[in-house]
N, C-alpha and C. Protein backbone atom coordinates (compact mmCIF):
# COMPACT_ATOMS: atom_id res chain seq x y z
N MET A 1 93.00 81.06 99.91
CA MET A 1 94.40 81.53 99.72
C MET A 1 95.66 81.01 100.39
N SER A 2 96.57 81.00 99.74
CA SER A 2 97.86 80.75 100.75
C SER A 2 98.47 82.23 100.82
N LYS A 3 99.23 82.36 102.08
CA LYS A 3 99.99 83.66 102.09
C LYS A 3 101.06 83.28 101.33
N ASN A 4 101.51 84.40 100.66
CA ASN A 4 102.89 84.59 100.07
C ASN A 4 103.66 85.35 100.80
N PRO A 5 105.33 85.05 100.68
CA PRO A 5 106.31 85.85 101.42
C PRO A 5 106.07 87.33 100.67
N LYS A 6 106.41 88.37 101.62
CA LYS A 6 106.12 89.72 101.49
C LYS A 6 106.74 89.91 99.94
N MET A 7 106.45 90.46 98.91
CA MET A 7 106.98 90.77 97.68
C MET A 7 107.20 92.03 97.50
N GLY A 8 108.66 92.49 97.23
CA GLY A 8 108.86 93.91 96.98
C GLY A 8 109.66 93.86 95.57
N ARG A 9 110.20 95.18 95.23
CA ARG A 9 110.90 95.18 93.81
C ARG A 9 111.88 94.25 93.97
N PRO A 10 112.20 93.35 92.84
CA PRO A 10 113.66 92.35 92.72
C PRO A 10 114.91 93.27 92.86
N THR A 11 115.71 92.81 93.44
CA THR A 11 117.01 93.52 93.42
C THR A 11 118.14 92.58 93.46
N ASP A 12 119.42 93.14 92.91
CA ASP A 12 120.51 92.32 93.06
C ASP A 12 121.29 92.50 94.47
N ASP A 13 120.95 93.43 94.89
CA ASP A 13 121.73 93.92 96.20
C ASP A 13 120.77 94.06 97.57
N PRO A 14 120.21 93.08 97.83
CA PRO A 14 119.46 92.91 99.07
C PRO A 14 119.85 93.68 100.32
N LYS A 15 118.98 94.52 100.88
CA LYS A 15 119.14 95.08 101.92
C LYS A 15 118.52 94.58 103.45
N ASN A 16 119.40 93.42 103.51
CA ASN A 16 118.71 92.71 105.00
C ASN A 16 119.67 92.90 106.26
N THR A 17 120.38 93.64 106.06
CA THR A 17 121.29 93.83 107.43
C THR A 17 120.96 95.18 108.08
N THR A 18 120.56 95.17 109.39
CA THR A 18 120.34 96.63 110.29
C THR A 18 121.55 96.78 111.07
N TYR A 19 121.58 98.14 111.27
CA TYR A 19 122.74 98.65 112.02
C TYR A 19 122.15 99.74 112.64
N LYS A 20 122.06 99.87 114.09
CA LYS A 20 121.86 100.97 114.77
C LYS A 20 123.17 101.85 115.11
N ILE A 21 123.02 103.26 114.88
CA ILE A 21 124.24 104.20 115.34
C ILE A 21 123.78 105.21 116.20
N ARG A 22 124.46 105.81 116.92
CA ARG A 22 123.98 107.16 117.51
C ARG A 22 124.77 108.40 116.98
N LEU A 23 124.01 109.26 116.84
CA LEU A 23 124.54 110.64 116.38
C LEU A 23 124.02 111.57 117.23
N SER A 24 125.00 112.89 116.78
CA SER A 24 124.99 113.85 117.91
C SER A 24 124.02 114.65 117.03
N LYS A 25 123.53 116.00 117.76
CA LYS A 25 122.33 116.64 117.40
C LYS A 25 122.86 117.45 116.11
N THR A 26 124.01 117.55 116.06
CA THR A 26 124.85 118.15 114.77
C THR A 26 124.83 117.34 113.80
N ASP A 27 125.22 116.12 114.00
CA ASP A 27 125.32 115.07 112.79
C ASP A 27 123.88 114.83 112.20
N LEU A 28 122.94 114.77 113.07
CA LEU A 28 121.67 114.42 112.65
C LEU A 28 121.03 115.68 111.66
N ALA A 29 121.56 116.83 112.22
CA ALA A 29 120.96 117.96 111.35
C ALA A 29 121.68 117.85 110.15
N ARG A 30 122.82 117.61 110.06
CA ARG A 30 123.63 117.78 108.82
C ARG A 30 123.00 116.48 108.07
N LEU A 31 122.54 115.47 108.25
CA LEU A 31 122.12 114.12 107.86
C LEU A 31 120.74 114.81 107.17
N ASP A 32 119.79 115.22 107.96
CA ASP A 32 118.59 116.03 107.76
C ASP A 32 118.62 116.99 106.46
N PHE A 33 119.67 117.80 106.51
CA PHE A 33 120.01 118.45 105.50
C PHE A 33 120.35 117.96 104.29
N CYS A 34 121.01 117.16 104.15
CA CYS A 34 121.47 116.31 102.85
C CYS A 34 120.05 115.53 102.56
N CYS A 35 119.36 115.12 103.26
CA CYS A 35 118.34 114.35 102.70
C CYS A 35 117.25 115.35 102.12
N GLN A 36 117.08 116.26 102.80
CA GLN A 36 116.34 117.45 102.28
C GLN A 36 116.82 118.03 100.87
N LYS A 37 118.09 118.08 100.79
CA LYS A 37 118.50 118.68 99.61
C LYS A 37 118.52 118.06 98.37
N THR A 38 118.79 116.22 98.57
CA THR A 38 118.72 115.67 97.76
C THR A 38 117.28 114.78 97.34
N GLY A 39 116.39 114.88 98.45
CA GLY A 39 115.38 114.04 98.45
C GLY A 39 115.58 112.63 98.24
N LYS A 40 116.60 112.45 98.98
CA LYS A 40 117.29 110.72 99.38
C LYS A 40 116.84 110.28 100.71
N PRO A 41 116.39 109.15 100.97
CA PRO A 41 116.31 109.10 102.64
C PRO A 41 117.67 108.63 103.08
N LYS A 42 117.70 109.08 104.40
CA LYS A 42 119.07 108.85 105.48
C LYS A 42 119.71 107.52 105.09
N SER A 43 118.90 106.38 104.98
CA SER A 43 119.73 105.24 104.61
C SER A 43 120.88 105.54 103.43
N GLU A 44 120.02 106.02 102.24
CA GLU A 44 120.85 106.15 101.01
C GLU A 44 121.89 107.01 101.01
N ILE A 45 121.73 108.17 102.00
CA ILE A 45 122.84 109.44 102.55
C ILE A 45 123.76 108.57 102.98
N ILE A 46 123.68 107.67 104.14
CA ILE A 46 124.74 107.09 104.77
C ILE A 46 125.36 105.94 103.84
N ARG A 47 124.69 105.33 103.16
CA ARG A 47 125.50 104.38 102.09
C ARG A 47 126.30 105.17 101.33
N MET A 48 125.83 106.48 100.72
CA MET A 48 126.75 107.29 99.63
C MET A 48 127.97 107.83 100.50
N GLY A 49 127.91 107.87 101.98
CA GLY A 49 129.31 108.19 102.92
C GLY A 49 129.77 107.29 102.85
N ILE A 50 129.43 106.01 103.02
CA ILE A 50 130.07 104.76 103.41
C ILE A 50 131.10 104.25 102.02
N SER A 51 130.40 104.77 100.99
CA SER A 51 131.04 104.60 99.29
C SER A 51 132.26 105.48 99.25
N LYS A 52 131.80 106.71 99.57
CA LYS A 52 132.92 107.81 99.39
C LYS A 52 134.15 107.86 100.07
N VAL A 53 133.91 107.32 101.36
CA VAL A 53 135.16 106.77 102.44
C VAL A 53 135.90 105.65 101.52
N TYR A 54 135.28 104.83 101.57
CA TYR A 54 135.82 103.57 100.92
C TYR A 54 136.82 103.89 99.34
N GLU A 55 135.96 104.23 98.75
CA GLU A 55 136.76 104.64 97.56
C GLU A 55 137.63 105.75 97.84
N GLU A 56 138.08 106.74 98.74
CA GLU A 56 139.25 107.71 99.05
C GLU A 56 140.21 106.52 99.69
N LEU A 57 139.85 105.64 100.39
CA LEU A 57 140.83 104.95 101.28
C LEU A 57 141.29 103.78 100.23
N LYS A 58 140.73 103.26 99.24
CA LYS A 58 140.92 102.22 98.20
C LYS A 58 142.04 102.64 97.31
N GLY A 59 141.59 104.17 96.66
CA GLY A 59 142.11 104.59 95.85
C GLY A 59 143.38 105.33 95.89
């Protein structure tokens, strides 16, 4: 058998860029709270925040 590249769910918006950030304990606690309340992962909460600020600045 030949090895196939790792297959995941197909997407129109692949997330293939990594970015490292530093957070204070307060910011991390807020992020954890948001994740706990929404059931969404940290990366999704951060993306939601980016979208919210972008829309505010654009509109």
